[in-house]
Each structure stands twice: as C-alpha cells, then as structure tokens.
Amino acid sequence: MGTLMSEMTEREFLNLVVKIYNDDYATEKEHTDAILKFEALTEHPSGSDLIFYPEPEKDGPEFVVKEVKDWRAANGKPGFKAE
C-alpha cells in the first residue's frame, strides 16, 4: 500500500477504510496509525471525521471513499492508481 493516494488503487483505499471502521487491528496503536495514515493520504479538511462523525445519509466505507474521491477531484488532487 502506497504512501500517496496516487500510489493506491481505489480497492486498497476502501480496504483501509473498512479496517478502520471495523477496528480490525491488533492494537490501539495500529488503529491510531491507520487513522493518521488515512488523514495524510486524503488531505481532506474533515479528516477522520468522515469516518467517525459522518453527515447524515453518508455513513459507511463506500460513502467515505466517494467523498474523498470527489473532494480530491474538485480540488485538483491526484486520484487513485488504476486497478
């Protein structure tokens, strides 16, 4: 998994978001590190609030991925690596 959004496929990013949602990590530190990686990758101003405090009707990993993808495109940021 890359350190830039453009080094990750959309599927890899979705898998990261799902793991964060499900707290699928052996330790709290690993979970926190994944959240920090999410924030660094996305550069979204809402950061991890997209996951933990979503807008109504926008809850779930797929909505998070769509929001990040749309925001990055609207702000001239690179998208995902091709599958």
Protein backbone atom coordinates (compact mmCIF):
# COMPACT_ATOMS: atom_id res chain seq x y z
CA MET A 1 0.00 0.00 0.00
CA GLY A 2 1.39 3.35 -1.03
CA THR A 3 2.05 6.48 0.96
CA LEU A 4 0.37 8.73 -1.62
CA MET A 5 -3.20 8.43 -2.83
CA SER A 6 -1.91 8.10 -6.41
CA GLU A 7 0.07 5.00 -5.33
CA MET A 8 -3.08 3.19 -4.11
CA THR A 9 -5.91 1.62 -6.01
CA GLU A 10 -9.44 2.52 -5.01
CA ARG A 11 -9.87 -1.04 -3.73
CA GLU A 12 -6.79 -0.76 -1.49
CA PHE A 13 -8.09 2.52 -0.07
CA LEU A 14 -11.54 1.01 0.53
CA ASN A 15 -9.89 -1.89 2.38
CA LEU A 16 -8.05 0.61 4.61
CA VAL A 17 -11.30 2.45 5.38
CA VAL A 18 -13.13 -0.81 6.13
CA LYS A 19 -10.37 -1.90 8.54
CA ILE A 20 -10.56 1.46 10.32
CA TYR A 21 -14.37 1.25 10.51
CA ASN A 22 -14.24 -2.26 11.94
CA ASP A 23 -11.26 -1.52 14.22
CA ASP A 24 -9.63 -4.57 12.67
CA TYR A 25 -6.20 -4.04 14.24
CA ALA A 26 -4.32 -6.00 16.89
CA THR A 27 -3.52 -2.91 18.96
CA GLU A 28 -4.89 0.56 19.59
CA LYS A 29 -1.61 1.99 18.27
CA GLU A 30 -2.06 0.19 14.94
CA HIS A 31 -5.61 1.54 14.71
CA THR A 32 -4.44 5.08 15.51
CA ASP A 33 -1.61 4.78 12.97
CA ALA A 34 -4.12 3.72 10.30
CA ILE A 35 -6.34 6.72 11.10
CA LEU A 36 -3.34 9.05 10.82
CA LYS A 37 -2.40 7.43 7.51
CA PHE A 38 -5.99 7.95 6.29
CA GLU A 39 -5.78 11.64 7.18
CA ALA A 40 -2.39 12.08 5.49
CA LEU A 41 -3.48 10.23 2.35
CA THR A 42 -6.78 12.01 1.85
CA GLU A 43 -5.72 15.57 2.75
CA HIS A 44 -9.47 16.14 3.26
CA PRO A 45 -10.25 19.03 5.64
CA SER A 46 -12.67 16.86 7.65
CA GLY A 47 -10.02 14.18 8.19
CA SER A 48 -11.17 11.21 10.25
CA ASP A 49 -14.49 12.96 10.99
CA LEU A 50 -15.57 11.49 7.64
CA ILE A 51 -15.43 8.10 9.35
CA PHE A 52 -16.35 8.84 12.94
CA TYR A 53 -18.79 11.75 12.53
CA PRO A 54 -20.29 11.36 9.05
CA GLU A 55 -23.01 13.57 7.65
CA PRO A 56 -26.49 12.00 7.75
CA GLU A 57 -27.02 9.55 4.89
CA LYS A 58 -23.25 9.38 4.24
CA ASP A 59 -22.27 6.67 6.70
CA GLY A 60 -20.16 3.72 5.63
CA PRO A 61 -16.84 2.99 3.96
CA GLU A 62 -18.19 3.36 0.41
CA PHE A 63 -19.52 6.85 1.17
CA VAL A 64 -16.17 7.83 2.68
CA VAL A 65 -14.31 6.67 -0.43
CA LYS A 66 -16.74 8.56 -2.69
CA GLU A 67 -16.46 11.75 -0.62
CA VAL A 68 -12.66 11.61 -0.65
CA LYS A 69 -12.56 10.84 -4.37
CA ASP A 70 -14.98 13.68 -5.22
CA TRP A 71 -13.20 16.18 -2.95
CA ARG A 72 -9.77 15.36 -4.37
CA ALA A 73 -11.03 15.73 -7.95
CA ALA A 74 -12.73 19.05 -7.15
CA ASN A 75 -9.52 20.35 -5.58
CA GLY A 76 -7.10 19.27 -8.32
CA LYS A 77 -5.52 16.48 -6.27
CA PRO A 78 -4.36 13.23 -7.89
CA GLY A 79 -6.77 10.32 -7.84
CA PHE A 80 -6.28 6.62 -7.31
CA LYS A 81 -3.84 4.43 -9.20
CA ALA A 82 -5.51 2.37 -11.94
CA GLU A 83 -6.58 -1.14 -10.88
